[in-house]
PDB file of N, CA and C in Angstrom:
ATOM      1  N   MET A   1       0.844  -1.166   0.000  1.00  0.00           N
ATOM      2  CA  MET A   1       0.000   0.000   0.000  1.00  0.00           C
ATOM      3  C   MET A   1       0.891   1.231   0.000  1.00  0.00           C
ATOM      4  N   TYR A   2       0.659   2.149  -0.901  1.00  0.00           N
ATOM      5  CA  TYR A   2       1.417   3.384  -0.995  1.00  0.00           C
ATOM      6  C   TYR A   2       0.510   4.547  -0.643  1.00  0.00           C
ATOM      7  N   LEU A   3       0.969   5.359   0.281  1.00  0.00           N
ATOM      8  CA  LEU A   3       0.208   6.517   0.701  1.00  0.00           C
ATOM      9  C   LEU A   3       0.855   7.769   0.121  1.00  0.00           C
ATOM     10  N   ASP A   4       0.041   8.745  -0.213  1.00  0.00           N
ATOM     11  CA  ASP A   4       0.535   9.954  -0.849  1.00  0.00           C
ATOM     12  C   ASP A   4       0.306  11.151   0.068  1.00  0.00           C
ATOM     13  N   PHE A   5       1.172  11.298   1.070  1.00  0.00           N
ATOM     14  CA  PHE A   5       1.118  12.467   1.937  1.00  0.00           C
ATOM     15  C   PHE A   5       2.512  12.716   2.498  1.00  0.00           C
ATOM     16  N   LEU A   6       2.763  13.939   2.968  1.00  0.00           N
ATOM     17  CA  LEU A   6       4.063  14.315   3.495  1.00  0.00           C
ATOM     18  C   LEU A   6       4.067  14.211   5.009  1.00  0.00           C
ATOM     19  N   VAL A   7       5.182  13.749   5.558  1.00  0.00           N
ATOM     20  CA  VAL A   7       5.372  13.704   7.002  1.00  0.00           C
ATOM     21  C   VAL A   7       6.716  14.355   7.318  1.00  0.00           C
ATOM     22  N   LYS A   8       6.870  14.806   8.551  1.00  0.00           N
ATOM     23  CA  LYS A   8       8.116  15.421   8.972  1.00  0.00           C
ATOM     24  C   LYS A   8       9.148  14.328   9.251  1.00  0.00           C
ATOM     25  N   ILE A   9      10.379  14.544   8.809  1.00  0.00           N
ATOM     26  CA  ILE A   9      11.463  13.597   9.061  1.00  0.00           C
ATOM     27  C   ILE A   9      11.893  13.769  10.513  1.00  0.00           C
ATOM     28  N   PRO A  10      12.004  12.668  11.279  1.00  0.00           N
ATOM     29  CA  PRO A  10      12.391  12.780  12.686  1.00  0.00           C
ATOM     30  C   PRO A  10      13.778  13.391  12.843  1.00  0.00           C
ATOM     31  N   GLU A  11      13.979  14.094  13.940  1.00  0.00           N
ATOM     32  CA  GLU A  11      15.280  14.713  14.209  1.00  0.00           C
ATOM     33  C   GLU A  11      16.010  13.926  15.290  1.00  0.00           C
ATOM     34  N   ALA A  12      16.397  12.707  14.985  1.00  0.00           N
ATOM     35  CA  ALA A  12      17.160  11.860  15.895  1.00  0.00           C
ATOM     36  C   ALA A  12      18.620  11.942  15.472  1.00  0.00           C
ATOM     37  N   ALA A  13      19.440  12.508  16.334  1.00  0.00           N
ATOM     38  CA  ALA A  13      20.847  12.740  15.996  1.00  0.00           C
ATOM     39  C   ALA A  13      21.573  11.423  15.727  1.00  0.00           C
ATOM     40  N   GLY A  14      22.166  11.295  14.547  1.00  0.00           N
ATOM     41  CA  GLY A  14      22.928  10.108  14.196  1.00  0.00           C
ATOM     42  C   GLY A  14      22.105   8.906  13.796  1.00  0.00           C
ATOM     43  N   LYS A  15      20.795   9.019  13.728  1.00  0.00           N
ATOM     44  CA  LYS A  15      19.939   7.884  13.416  1.00  0.00           C
ATOM     45  C   LYS A  15      19.344   7.948  12.011  1.00  0.00           C
ATOM     46  N   ILE A  16      19.342   9.109  11.386  1.00  0.00           N
ATOM     47  CA  ILE A  16      18.737   9.295  10.067  1.00  0.00           C
ATOM     48  C   ILE A  16      19.845   9.361   9.017  1.00  0.00           C
ATOM     49  N   THR A  17      19.701   8.562   7.953  1.00  0.00           N
ATOM     50  CA  THR A  17      20.640   8.611   6.841  1.00  0.00           C
ATOM     51  C   THR A  17      19.856   8.763   5.548  1.00  0.00           C
ATOM     52  N   TYR A  18      20.529   9.305   4.543  1.00  0.00           N
ATOM     53  CA  TYR A  18      19.925   9.525   3.231  1.00  0.00           C
ATOM     54  C   TYR A  18      20.738   8.775   2.197  1.00  0.00           C
ATOM     55  N   ARG A  19      20.046   8.128   1.275  1.00  0.00           N
ATOM     56  CA  ARG A  19      20.720   7.435   0.177  1.00  0.00           C
ATOM     57  C   ARG A  19      20.086   7.878  -1.127  1.00  0.00           C
ATOM     58  N   LYS A  20      20.941   8.373  -2.012  1.00  0.00           N
ATOM     59  CA  LYS A  20      20.456   8.838  -3.296  1.00  0.00           C
ATOM     60  C   LYS A  20      20.537   7.704  -4.299  1.00  0.00           C
ATOM     61  N   ARG A  21      19.426   7.487  -4.995  1.00  0.00           N
ATOM     62  CA  ARG A  21      19.372   6.446  -6.018  1.00  0.00           C
ATOM     63  C   ARG A  21      18.626   7.017  -7.215  1.00  0.00           C
ATOM     64  N   ASP A  22      19.279   7.022  -8.353  1.00  0.00           N
ATOM     65  CA  ASP A  22      18.763   7.651  -9.576  1.00  0.00           C
ATOM     66  C   ASP A  22      18.447   9.109  -9.267  1.00  0.00           C
ATOM     67  N   ASP A  23      17.206   9.530  -9.387  1.00  0.00           N
ATOM     68  CA  ASP A  23      16.865  10.932  -9.114  1.00  0.00           C
ATOM     69  C   ASP A  23      16.070  11.079  -7.822  1.00  0.00           C
ATOM     70  N   SER A  24      16.011  10.026  -7.008  1.00  0.00           N
ATOM     71  CA  SER A  24      15.264  10.046  -5.745  1.00  0.00           C
ATOM     72  C   SER A  24      16.223   9.942  -4.561  1.00  0.00           C
ATOM     73  N   CYS A  25      15.781  10.461  -3.419  1.00  0.00           N
ATOM     74  CA  CYS A  25      16.558  10.381  -2.189  1.00  0.00           C
ATOM     75  C   CYS A  25      15.710   9.668  -1.140  1.00  0.00           C
ATOM     76  N   TYR A  26      16.203   8.534  -0.644  1.00  0.00           N
ATOM     77  CA  TYR A  26      15.462   7.721   0.313  1.00  0.00           C
ATOM     78  C   TYR A  26      15.969   7.982   1.723  1.00  0.00           C
ATOM     79  N   VAL A  27      15.063   7.952   2.686  1.00  0.00           N
ATOM     80  CA  VAL A  27      15.381   8.235   4.079  1.00  0.00           C
ATOM     81  C   VAL A  27      15.346   6.929   4.863  1.00  0.00           C
ATOM     82  N   TYR A  28      16.426   6.652   5.606  1.00  0.00           N
ATOM     83  CA  TYR A  28      16.546   5.438   6.401  1.00  0.00           C
ATOM     84  C   TYR A  28      16.703   5.795   7.876  1.00  0.00           C
ATOM     85  N   TYR A  29      16.137   4.951   8.738  1.00  0.00           N
ATOM     86  CA  TYR A  29      16.259   5.108  10.182  1.00  0.00           C
ATOM     87  C   TYR A  29      17.087   3.960  10.732  1.00  0.00           C
ATOM     88  N   GLU A  30      18.133   4.289  11.482  1.00  0.00           N
ATOM     89  CA  GLU A  30      19.002   3.281  12.075  1.00  0.00           C
ATOM     90  C   GLU A  30      18.446   2.899  13.437  1.00  0.00           C
ATOM     91  N   TYR A  31      18.107   1.618  13.612  1.00  0.00           N
ATOM     92  CA  TYR A  31      17.490   1.198  14.862  1.00  0.00           C
ATOM     93  C   TYR A  31      18.350   0.268  15.701  1.00  0.00           C
ATOM     94  N   ASP A  32      19.485  -0.186  15.186  1.00  0.00           N
ATOM     95  CA  ASP A  32      20.330  -1.064  15.987  1.00  0.00           C
ATOM     96  C   ASP A  32      21.727  -1.142  15.389  1.00  0.00           C
ATOM     97  N   ARG A  33      22.722  -1.386  16.254  1.00  0.00           N
ATOM     98  CA  ARG A  33      24.095  -1.649  15.845  1.00  0.00           C
ATOM     99  C   ARG A  33      24.587  -2.847  16.625  1.00  0.00           C
ATOM    100  N   ILE A  34      25.149  -3.813  15.919  1.00  0.00           N
ATOM    101  CA  ILE A  34      25.665  -5.023  16.561  1.00  0.00           C
ATOM    102  C   ILE A  34      27.130  -5.175  16.174  1.00  0.00           C
ATOM    103  N   TYR A  35      27.992  -5.196  17.171  1.00  0.00           N
ATOM    104  CA  TYR A  35      29.427  -5.340  16.932  1.00  0.00           C
ATOM    105  C   TYR A  35      29.796  -6.817  16.886  1.00  0.00           C
ATOM    106  N   ASP A  36      30.518  -7.208  15.847  1.00  0.00           N
ATOM    107  CA  ASP A  36      30.998  -8.579  15.690  1.00  0.00           C
ATOM    108  C   ASP A  36      32.491  -8.591  16.023  1.00  0.00           C
ATOM    109  N   PRO A  37      32.874  -9.094  17.213  1.00  0.00           N
ATOM    110  CA  PRO A  37      34.277  -9.032  17.623  1.00  0.00           C
ATOM    111  C   PRO A  37      35.208  -9.928  16.793  1.00  0.00           C
ATOM    112  N   THR A  38      34.686 -10.975  16.187  1.00  0.00           N
ATOM    113  CA  THR A  38      35.553 -11.843  15.397  1.00  0.00           C
ATOM    114  C   THR A  38      35.959 -11.163  14.085  1.00  0.00           C
ATOM    115  N   ARG A  39      35.049 -10.438  13.490  1.00  0.00           N
ATOM    116  CA  ARG A  39      35.344  -9.732  12.237  1.00  0.00           C
ATOM    117  C   ARG A  39      35.788  -8.300  12.473  1.00  0.00           C
ATOM    118  N   LYS A  40      35.628  -7.810  13.723  1.00  0.00           N
ATOM    119  CA  LYS A  40      35.939  -6.425  14.091  1.00  0.00           C
ATOM    120  C   LYS A  40      35.191  -5.462  13.181  1.00  0.00           C
ATOM    121  N   PHE A  41      33.883  -5.674  13.134  1.00  0.00           N
ATOM    122  CA  PHE A  41      33.024  -4.930  12.221  1.00  0.00           C
ATOM    123  C   PHE A  41      31.681  -4.688  12.899  1.00  0.00           C
ATOM    124  N   THR A  42      31.085  -3.531  12.661  1.00  0.00           N
ATOM    125  CA  THR A  42      29.772  -3.215  13.210  1.00  0.00           C
ATOM    126  C   THR A  42      28.712  -3.393  12.137  1.00  0.00           C
ATOM    127  N   ASN A  43      27.705  -4.211  12.418  1.00  0.00           N
ATOM    128  CA  ASN A  43      26.576  -4.404  11.515  1.00  0.00           C
ATOM    129  C   ASN A  43      25.479  -3.431  11.909  1.00  0.00           C
ATOM    130  N   VAL A  44      25.054  -2.617  10.963  1.00  0.00           N
ATOM    131  CA  VAL A  44      24.037  -1.607  11.219  1.00  0.00           C
ATOM    132  C   VAL A  44      22.704  -2.095  10.680  1.00  0.00           C
ATOM    133  N   LYS A  45      21.667  -2.010  11.500  1.00  0.00           N
ATOM    134  CA  LYS A  45      20.314  -2.384  11.095  1.00  0.00           C
ATOM    135  C   LYS A  45      19.564  -1.096  10.757  1.00  0.00           C
ATOM    136  N   ARG A  46      19.075  -1.000   9.520  1.00  0.00           N
ATOM    137  CA  ARG A  46      18.351   0.187   9.071  1.00  0.00           C
ATOM    138  C   ARG A  46      17.052  -0.222   8.402  1.00  0.00           C
ATOM    139  N   ALA A  47      16.080   0.689   8.494  1.00  0.00           N
ATOM    140  CA  ALA A  47      14.794   0.490   7.836  1.00  0.00           C
ATOM    141  C   ALA A  47      14.469   1.742   7.038  1.00  0.00           C
ATOM    142  N   MET A  48      13.967   1.550   5.831  1.00  0.00           N
ATOM    143  CA  MET A  48      13.575   2.702   5.022  1.00  0.00           C
ATOM    144  C   MET A  48      12.253   3.245   5.545  1.00  0.00           C
ATOM    145  N   ILE A  49      12.223   4.547   5.801  1.00  0.00           N
ATOM    146  CA  ILE A  49      11.003   5.146   6.331  1.00  0.00           C
ATOM    147  C   ILE A  49      10.294   5.997   5.289  1.00  0.00           C
ATOM    148  N   GLY A  50      10.905   6.207   4.135  1.00  0.00           N
ATOM    149  CA  GLY A  50      10.216   6.949   3.095  1.00  0.00           C
ATOM    150  C   GLY A  50      11.145   7.540   2.063  1.00  0.00           C
ATOM    151  N   LYS A  51      10.565   8.325   1.186  1.00  0.00           N
ATOM    152  CA  LYS A  51      11.307   8.985   0.113  1.00  0.00           C
ATOM    153  C   LYS A  51      11.192  10.485   0.321  1.00  0.00           C
ATOM    154  N   GLN A  52      12.293  11.194   0.171  1.00  0.00           N
ATOM    155  CA  GLN A  52      12.292  12.634   0.382  1.00  0.00           C
ATOM    156  C   GLN A  52      11.557  13.332  -0.761  1.00  0.00           C
ATOM    157  N   SER A  53      10.711  14.281  -0.403  1.00  0.00           N
ATOM    158  CA  SER A  53       9.926  15.014  -1.381  1.00  0.00           C
ATOM    159  C   SER A  53      10.807  15.974  -2.165  1.00  0.00           C
ATOM    160  N   LYS A  54      10.585  16.067  -3.447  1.00  0.00           N
ATOM    161  CA  LYS A  54      11.339  17.022  -4.259  1.00  0.00           C
ATOM    162  C   LYS A  54      10.802  18.435  -4.069  1.00  0.00           C
ATOM    163  N   ALA A  55       9.526  18.561  -3.782  1.00  0.00           N
ATOM    164  CA  ALA A  55       8.909  19.880  -3.619  1.00  0.00           C
ATOM    165  C   ALA A  55       9.229  20.508  -2.257  1.00  0.00           C
ATOM    166  N   ASP A  56       9.272  19.683  -1.198  1.00  0.00           N
ATOM    167  CA  ASP A  56       9.477  20.193   0.159  1.00  0.00           C
ATOM    168  C   ASP A  56      10.497  19.315   0.869  1.00  0.00           C
ATOM    169  N   HIS A  57      11.759  19.750   0.902  1.00  0.00           N
ATOM    170  CA  HIS A  57      12.819  18.944   1.526  1.00  0.00           C
ATOM    171  C   HIS A  57      12.680  19.004   3.019  1.00  0.00           C
TER     172      HIS A  57
END
């Protein structure tokens, strides 16, 4: 289901990331980080929360 309305992007410091793909910009929310000591690497869990509006950033 796709809804057609604008919402405010949350202002959570360090939790919101933007990824540009083609001519659209997608907004992701980071909800967890898991450190793997064997690989010495942090796995980030993110969920897409929407697409940034071109008319109203």
